[in-house]
Amino acid sequence: MKTSLSIAFITLTVLLLTGCAGKSERQFISGCKAGGGDTAACKCIYSKLEKKFGADALEHSLHTIQQTEEFHREIISSTYQCLKE
């Protein structure tokens, strides 16, 4: 019985930890939706940006006051790609 409860607890913990979006992703999606995007498109855009820049560099770019021109171009490109899908 204890083993079953332990396995269930570990499984639930892993699912909760892996199923939760990071703070930067949640903030990005929230801002995207506030700007008129739907959840699926906003998640798609974030995913494409994360693939392009990597998680750490994307987080840094999102929290930098003066973002690079390349970053802005990539946001626009990712947005168009996601809207086509």
Protein backbone atom coordinates (compact mmCIF):
# COMPACT_ATOMS: atom_id res chain seq x y z
CA MET A 1 0.00 0.00 0.00
CA LYS A 2 2.78 2.43 0.92
CA THR A 3 4.59 1.60 -2.29
CA SER A 4 1.48 2.32 -4.36
CA LEU A 5 0.97 5.65 -2.63
CA SER A 6 4.63 6.58 -3.10
CA ILE A 7 4.51 5.75 -6.80
CA ALA A 8 1.26 7.71 -7.22
CA PHE A 9 2.74 10.71 -5.40
CA ILE A 10 5.96 10.67 -7.46
CA THR A 11 3.99 10.33 -10.70
CA LEU A 12 1.71 13.23 -9.77
CA THR A 13 4.69 15.40 -8.82
CA VAL A 14 6.48 14.70 -12.10
CA LEU A 15 3.34 15.44 -14.11
CA LEU A 16 2.77 18.70 -12.28
CA LEU A 17 6.36 19.84 -12.69
CA THR A 18 6.64 18.97 -16.36
CA GLY A 19 3.15 20.14 -17.26
CA CYS A 20 3.56 23.65 -15.91
CA ALA A 21 4.80 26.41 -18.15
CA GLY A 22 7.62 28.57 -16.89
CA LYS A 23 7.03 32.07 -15.58
CA SER A 24 8.40 33.72 -18.74
CA GLU A 25 6.20 31.58 -20.96
CA ARG A 26 3.11 32.36 -18.88
CA GLN A 27 3.91 36.09 -18.97
CA PHE A 28 4.52 36.01 -22.72
CA ILE A 29 1.27 34.17 -23.41
CA SER A 30 -0.65 36.48 -21.10
CA GLY A 31 0.72 39.56 -22.88
CA CYS A 32 0.13 38.01 -26.28
CA LYS A 33 -3.49 37.25 -25.39
CA ALA A 34 -3.94 40.77 -24.01
CA GLY A 35 -2.79 41.99 -27.42
CA GLY A 36 -5.53 39.99 -29.13
CA GLY A 37 -3.86 36.64 -29.80
CA ASP A 38 -5.50 33.33 -28.99
CA THR A 39 -3.85 30.84 -26.68
CA ALA A 40 -2.82 28.39 -29.41
CA ALA A 41 -1.18 31.08 -31.55
CA CYS A 42 0.59 32.60 -28.54
CA LYS A 43 1.96 29.21 -27.48
CA CYS A 44 3.09 28.55 -31.05
CA ILE A 45 4.93 31.87 -31.22
CA TYR A 46 6.65 31.27 -27.89
CA SER A 47 7.66 27.78 -28.97
CA LYS A 48 9.19 29.04 -32.22
CA LEU A 49 11.08 31.79 -30.41
CA GLU A 50 12.36 29.30 -27.84
CA LYS A 51 13.59 26.98 -30.61
CA LYS A 52 15.34 29.88 -32.34
CA PHE A 53 16.99 31.50 -29.33
CA GLY A 54 17.02 28.81 -26.63
CA ALA A 55 15.20 29.07 -23.31
CA ASP A 56 17.77 31.17 -21.45
CA ALA A 57 18.43 33.65 -24.28
CA LEU A 58 14.70 34.01 -24.92
CA GLU A 59 14.01 34.73 -21.27
CA HIS A 60 16.78 37.33 -21.27
CA SER A 61 15.44 38.95 -24.45
CA LEU A 62 11.90 39.07 -23.09
CA HIS A 63 13.05 40.88 -19.95
CA THR A 64 15.43 43.32 -21.68
CA ILE A 65 14.12 46.85 -22.10
CA GLN A 66 15.86 47.40 -25.45
CA GLN A 67 15.41 44.28 -27.52
CA THR A 68 17.46 43.73 -30.66
CA GLU A 69 16.14 44.28 -34.15
CA GLU A 70 16.76 40.59 -34.87
CA PHE A 71 14.52 39.64 -31.95
CA HIS A 72 11.73 41.89 -33.22
CA ARG A 73 12.02 40.44 -36.73
CA GLU A 74 11.86 36.92 -35.33
CA ILE A 75 8.72 37.73 -33.33
CA ILE A 76 7.05 39.01 -36.51
CA SER A 77 8.22 36.02 -38.55
CA SER A 78 7.08 33.55 -35.89
CA THR A 79 3.72 35.28 -35.65
CA TYR A 80 3.12 35.01 -39.40
CA GLN A 81 4.18 31.34 -39.41
CA CYS A 82 1.86 30.50 -36.52
CA LEU A 83 -1.09 32.33 -38.05
CA LYS A 84 -0.64 30.31 -41.27
CA GLU A 85 -0.72 27.01 -39.38
